[in-house]
Amino acid sequence: MRGLGFRAAVGSFVLGVLAVGFVGCASKTHSKPVDASIIPKLAGKWTGSYVGTSGSPTPADMTIDANGNYRATIIASDITTTGKISVVDGQLVFNRTGRSGPSSDLNIASGTFDVQEGPGGSMQISGFGRDDRGPFSGSFTKRQQ
């Protein structure tokens, strides 16, 4: 009987490790590598949503300048974050460097975006990140000027 419980515990542990590995690899997968020439194309106003640890999408807006500096506002909570988007090893990477609003402690965060360019100059970015509160994600569409 004791052997059966041990096998179940080891089996659960192995499945957990595999699941974590799969999720970690999946979050690093992008449709295609990018280079630094994409950064100026991201400049403009974006609208979309942010999903934090609650798991519920919250409306958000983001503005990106031609150098990759961004300012994002989570509308319902009136939280604003700032940071920098850059390209590292073919991936679009963001690093949050500032935060204001309720609970305005500086939660440094980083993550990756995937960019998709569509017809007529439309663009979408979506990605995953992590800060000291846990994982989060975001998805944005560039507003046409």
C-alpha atoms as a PDB file:
ATOM      1  CA  MET A   1       0.000   0.000   0.000  1.00  0.00           C
ATOM      2  CA  ARG A   2       2.817   2.372   0.841  1.00  0.00           C
ATOM      3  CA  GLY A   3       4.386   1.831  -2.603  1.00  0.00           C
ATOM      4  CA  LEU A   4       1.177   2.883  -4.342  1.00  0.00           C
ATOM      5  CA  GLY A   5       1.035   6.200  -2.435  1.00  0.00           C
ATOM      6  CA  PHE A   6       4.690   6.873  -3.217  1.00  0.00           C
ATOM      7  CA  ARG A   7       4.118   6.195  -6.923  1.00  0.00           C
ATOM      8  CA  ALA A   8       1.130   8.540  -6.960  1.00  0.00           C
ATOM      9  CA  ALA A   9       3.149  11.311  -5.297  1.00  0.00           C
ATOM     10  CA  VAL A  10       6.091  10.874  -7.694  1.00  0.00           C
ATOM     11  CA  GLY A  11       3.723  10.728 -10.674  1.00  0.00           C
ATOM     12  CA  SER A  12       2.041  13.963  -9.597  1.00  0.00           C
ATOM     13  CA  PHE A  13       5.405  15.636  -9.138  1.00  0.00           C
ATOM     14  CA  VAL A  14       6.616  14.563 -12.592  1.00  0.00           C
ATOM     15  CA  LEU A  15       3.388  15.787 -14.229  1.00  0.00           C
ATOM     16  CA  GLY A  16       3.746  19.114 -12.418  1.00  0.00           C
ATOM     17  CA  VAL A  17       7.330  19.550 -13.615  1.00  0.00           C
ATOM     18  CA  LEU A  18       6.320  18.705 -17.186  1.00  0.00           C
ATOM     19  CA  ALA A  19       3.412  21.164 -17.050  1.00  0.00           C
ATOM     20  CA  VAL A  20       5.636  23.975 -15.772  1.00  0.00           C
ATOM     21  CA  GLY A  21       8.181  23.211 -18.487  1.00  0.00           C
ATOM     22  CA  PHE A  22       5.509  23.207 -21.178  1.00  0.00           C
ATOM     23  CA  VAL A  23       4.018  26.526 -20.027  1.00  0.00           C
ATOM     24  CA  GLY A  24       7.487  28.091 -19.777  1.00  0.00           C
ATOM     25  CA  CYS A  25       8.361  27.012 -23.303  1.00  0.00           C
ATOM     26  CA  ALA A  26       4.983  28.035 -24.707  1.00  0.00           C
ATOM     27  CA  SER A  27       5.306  31.547 -23.342  1.00  0.00           C
ATOM     28  CA  LYS A  28       8.628  31.955 -25.184  1.00  0.00           C
ATOM     29  CA  THR A  29       7.258  30.849 -28.555  1.00  0.00           C
ATOM     30  CA  HIS A  30       6.684  33.607 -31.092  1.00  0.00           C
ATOM     31  CA  SER A  31       5.388  33.514 -34.631  1.00  0.00           C
ATOM     32  CA  LYS A  32       8.602  34.932 -36.109  1.00  0.00           C
ATOM     33  CA  PRO A  33      11.789  36.633 -34.929  1.00  0.00           C
ATOM     34  CA  VAL A  34      11.892  40.422 -35.064  1.00  0.00           C
ATOM     35  CA  ASP A  35      14.694  42.954 -35.293  1.00  0.00           C
ATOM     36  CA  ALA A  36      15.068  46.469 -33.930  1.00  0.00           C
ATOM     37  CA  SER A  37      13.476  47.995 -37.058  1.00  0.00           C
ATOM     38  CA  ILE A  38      10.069  47.002 -35.633  1.00  0.00           C
ATOM     39  CA  ILE A  39      10.324  49.455 -32.716  1.00  0.00           C
ATOM     40  CA  PRO A  40       9.506  52.660 -34.676  1.00  0.00           C
ATOM     41  CA  LYS A  41       6.541  50.861 -36.313  1.00  0.00           C
ATOM     42  CA  LEU A  42       5.059  50.327 -32.838  1.00  0.00           C
ATOM     43  CA  ALA A  43       4.860  54.088 -32.187  1.00  0.00           C
ATOM     44  CA  GLY A  44       1.301  55.228 -31.595  1.00  0.00           C
ATOM     45  CA  LYS A  45      -1.756  54.623 -29.459  1.00  0.00           C
ATOM     46  CA  TRP A  46      -2.920  51.141 -28.618  1.00  0.00           C
ATOM     47  CA  THR A  47      -6.088  49.868 -26.967  1.00  0.00           C
ATOM     48  CA  GLY A  48      -6.717  46.465 -25.453  1.00  0.00           C
ATOM     49  CA  SER A  49      -6.828  44.589 -22.204  1.00  0.00           C
ATOM     50  CA  TYR A  50      -4.678  43.510 -19.275  1.00  0.00           C
ATOM     51  CA  VAL A  51      -5.201  40.265 -17.357  1.00  0.00           C
ATOM     52  CA  GLY A  52      -3.640  40.150 -13.908  1.00  0.00           C
ATOM     53  CA  THR A  53      -3.744  37.542 -11.176  1.00  0.00           C
ATOM     54  CA  SER A  54      -7.544  37.825 -10.935  1.00  0.00           C
ATOM     55  CA  GLY A  55      -7.799  36.209 -14.355  1.00  0.00           C
ATOM     56  CA  SER A  56     -10.312  38.781 -15.597  1.00  0.00           C
ATOM     57  CA  PRO A  57      -9.526  41.042 -18.563  1.00  0.00           C
ATOM     58  CA  THR A  58      -9.481  44.753 -17.746  1.00  0.00           C
ATOM     59  CA  PRO A  59      -9.556  47.501 -20.422  1.00  0.00           C
ATOM     60  CA  ALA A  60      -6.199  49.203 -20.927  1.00  0.00           C
ATOM     61  CA  ASP A  61      -4.594  51.807 -23.189  1.00  0.00           C
ATOM     62  CA  MET A  62      -0.956  52.100 -24.134  1.00  0.00           C
ATOM     63  CA  THR A  63       1.126  54.697 -25.948  1.00  0.00           C
ATOM     64  CA  ILE A  64       4.498  53.754 -27.431  1.00  0.00           C
ATOM     65  CA  ASP A  65       7.016  56.257 -28.784  1.00  0.00           C
ATOM     66  CA  ALA A  66       9.473  55.684 -31.664  1.00  0.00           C
ATOM     67  CA  ASN A  67      12.246  54.740 -29.205  1.00  0.00           C
ATOM     68  CA  GLY A  68      10.172  51.996 -27.539  1.00  0.00           C
ATOM     69  CA  ASN A  69       9.272  53.898 -24.368  1.00  0.00           C
ATOM     70  CA  TYR A  70       5.743  53.042 -23.301  1.00  0.00           C
ATOM     71  CA  ARG A  71       3.065  54.289 -20.935  1.00  0.00           C
ATOM     72  CA  ALA A  72       0.166  51.929 -20.207  1.00  0.00           C
ATOM     73  CA  THR A  73      -2.948  52.684 -18.173  1.00  0.00           C
ATOM     74  CA  ILE A  74      -5.207  50.040 -16.683  1.00  0.00           C
ATOM     75  CA  ILE A  75      -8.402  52.051 -16.925  1.00  0.00           C
ATOM     76  CA  ALA A  76     -10.639  50.537 -14.206  1.00  0.00           C
ATOM     77  CA  SER A  77      -7.965  50.683 -11.506  1.00  0.00           C
ATOM     78  CA  ASP A  78      -6.323  53.942 -12.623  1.00  0.00           C
ATOM     79  CA  ILE A  79      -2.892  52.306 -12.517  1.00  0.00           C
ATOM     80  CA  THR A  80      -0.275  53.634 -14.937  1.00  0.00           C
ATOM     81  CA  THR A  81       2.947  51.848 -15.781  1.00  0.00           C
ATOM     82  CA  THR A  82       5.939  52.993 -17.800  1.00  0.00           C
ATOM     83  CA  GLY A  83       8.844  51.173 -19.317  1.00  0.00           C
ATOM     84  CA  LYS A  84      10.818  50.297 -22.391  1.00  0.00           C
ATOM     85  CA  ILE A  85      10.271  47.865 -25.257  1.00  0.00           C
ATOM     86  CA  SER A  86      13.359  46.490 -26.992  1.00  0.00           C
ATOM     87  CA  VAL A  87      14.434  43.535 -29.105  1.00  0.00           C
ATOM     88  CA  VAL A  88      16.541  40.832 -27.463  1.00  0.00           C
ATOM     89  CA  ASP A  89      17.560  37.694 -29.373  1.00  0.00           C
ATOM     90  CA  GLY A  90      14.789  38.209 -31.923  1.00  0.00           C
ATOM     91  CA  GLN A  91      12.073  38.712 -29.309  1.00  0.00           C
ATOM     92  CA  LEU A  92      10.133  41.840 -28.453  1.00  0.00           C
ATOM     93  CA  VAL A  93      10.845  42.343 -24.733  1.00  0.00           C
ATOM     94  CA  PHE A  94       9.310  44.849 -22.328  1.00  0.00           C
ATOM     95  CA  ASN A  95      10.724  46.016 -19.010  1.00  0.00           C
ATOM     96  CA  ARG A  96       8.441  47.948 -16.691  1.00  0.00           C
ATOM     97  CA  THR A  97      10.350  50.593 -14.774  1.00  0.00           C
ATOM     98  CA  GLY A  98       7.632  52.683 -13.145  1.00  0.00           C
ATOM     99  CA  ARG A  99       4.142  52.397 -11.705  1.00  0.00           C
ATOM    100  CA  SER A 100       1.681  54.875 -10.225  1.00  0.00           C
ATOM    101  CA  GLY A 101      -1.838  54.723  -8.852  1.00  0.00           C
ATOM    102  CA  PRO A 102      -3.314  52.550  -6.115  1.00  0.00           C
ATOM    103  CA  SER A 103      -0.654  50.291  -4.631  1.00  0.00           C
ATOM    104  CA  SER A 104       1.970  52.332  -6.406  1.00  0.00           C
ATOM    105  CA  ASP A 105       4.970  50.387  -5.153  1.00  0.00           C
ATOM    106  CA  LEU A 106       7.494  49.881  -7.928  1.00  0.00           C
ATOM    107  CA  ASN A 107       6.722  46.383  -9.134  1.00  0.00           C
ATOM    108  CA  ILE A 108       9.460  45.845 -11.664  1.00  0.00           C
ATOM    109  CA  ALA A 109       8.206  43.503 -14.343  1.00  0.00           C
ATOM    110  CA  SER A 110       9.362  42.061 -17.611  1.00  0.00           C
ATOM    111  CA  GLY A 111       7.989  39.880 -20.335  1.00  0.00           C
ATOM    112  CA  THR A 112       7.694  39.348 -24.041  1.00  0.00           C
ATOM    113  CA  PHE A 113       5.336  40.550 -26.749  1.00  0.00           C
ATOM    114  CA  ASP A 114       4.481  38.933 -30.050  1.00  0.00           C
ATOM    115  CA  VAL A 115       3.667  41.375 -32.846  1.00  0.00           C
ATOM    116  CA  GLN A 116       1.424  40.644 -35.792  1.00  0.00           C
ATOM    117  CA  GLU A 117       1.137  42.986 -38.729  1.00  0.00           C
ATOM    118  CA  GLY A 118      -2.044  42.847 -40.759  1.00  0.00           C
ATOM    119  CA  PRO A 119      -3.381  44.379 -43.950  1.00  0.00           C
ATOM    120  CA  GLY A 120      -3.695  48.135 -44.202  1.00  0.00           C
ATOM    121  CA  GLY A 121      -1.072  48.773 -41.524  1.00  0.00           C
ATOM    122  CA  SER A 122      -3.045  47.186 -38.697  1.00  0.00           C
ATOM    123  CA  MET A 123      -0.959  45.773 -35.867  1.00  0.00           C
ATOM    124  CA  GLN A 124      -1.579  43.682 -32.784  1.00  0.00           C
ATOM    125  CA  ILE A 125       0.709  42.870 -29.888  1.00  0.00           C
ATOM    126  CA  SER A 126       0.088  40.346 -27.177  1.00  0.00           C
ATOM    127  CA  GLY A 127       2.291  38.914 -24.534  1.00  0.00           C
ATOM    128  CA  PHE A 128       3.024  37.586 -21.105  1.00  0.00           C
ATOM    129  CA  GLY A 129       4.980  38.946 -18.186  1.00  0.00           C
ATOM    130  CA  ARG A 130       5.666  38.448 -14.521  1.00  0.00           C
ATOM    131  CA  ASP A 131       6.141  40.689 -11.511  1.00  0.00           C
ATOM    132  CA  ASP A 132       6.282  40.023  -7.782  1.00  0.00           C
ATOM    133  CA  ARG A 133       2.483  39.574  -7.712  1.00  0.00           C
ATOM    134  CA  GLY A 134       2.538  36.818 -10.317  1.00  0.00           C
ATOM    135  CA  PRO A 135       1.970  36.334 -14.021  1.00  0.00           C
ATOM    136  CA  PHE A 136      -0.010  38.719 -16.214  1.00  0.00           C
ATOM    137  CA  SER A 137      -0.815  39.134 -19.883  1.00  0.00           C
ATOM    138  CA  GLY A 138      -1.910  41.823 -22.266  1.00  0.00           C
ATOM    139  CA  SER A 139      -3.267  42.177 -25.765  1.00  0.00           C
ATOM    140  CA  PHE A 140      -3.444  45.445 -27.731  1.00  0.00           C
ATOM    141  CA  THR A 141      -4.471  46.680 -31.165  1.00  0.00           C
ATOM    142  CA  LYS A 142      -2.909  49.794 -32.645  1.00  0.00           C
ATOM    143  CA  ARG A 143      -5.396  52.570 -33.232  1.00  0.00           C
ATOM    144  CA  GLN A 144      -5.398  53.916 -36.755  1.00  0.00           C
ATOM    145  CA  GLN A 145      -4.295  57.560 -36.838  1.00  0.00           C
END
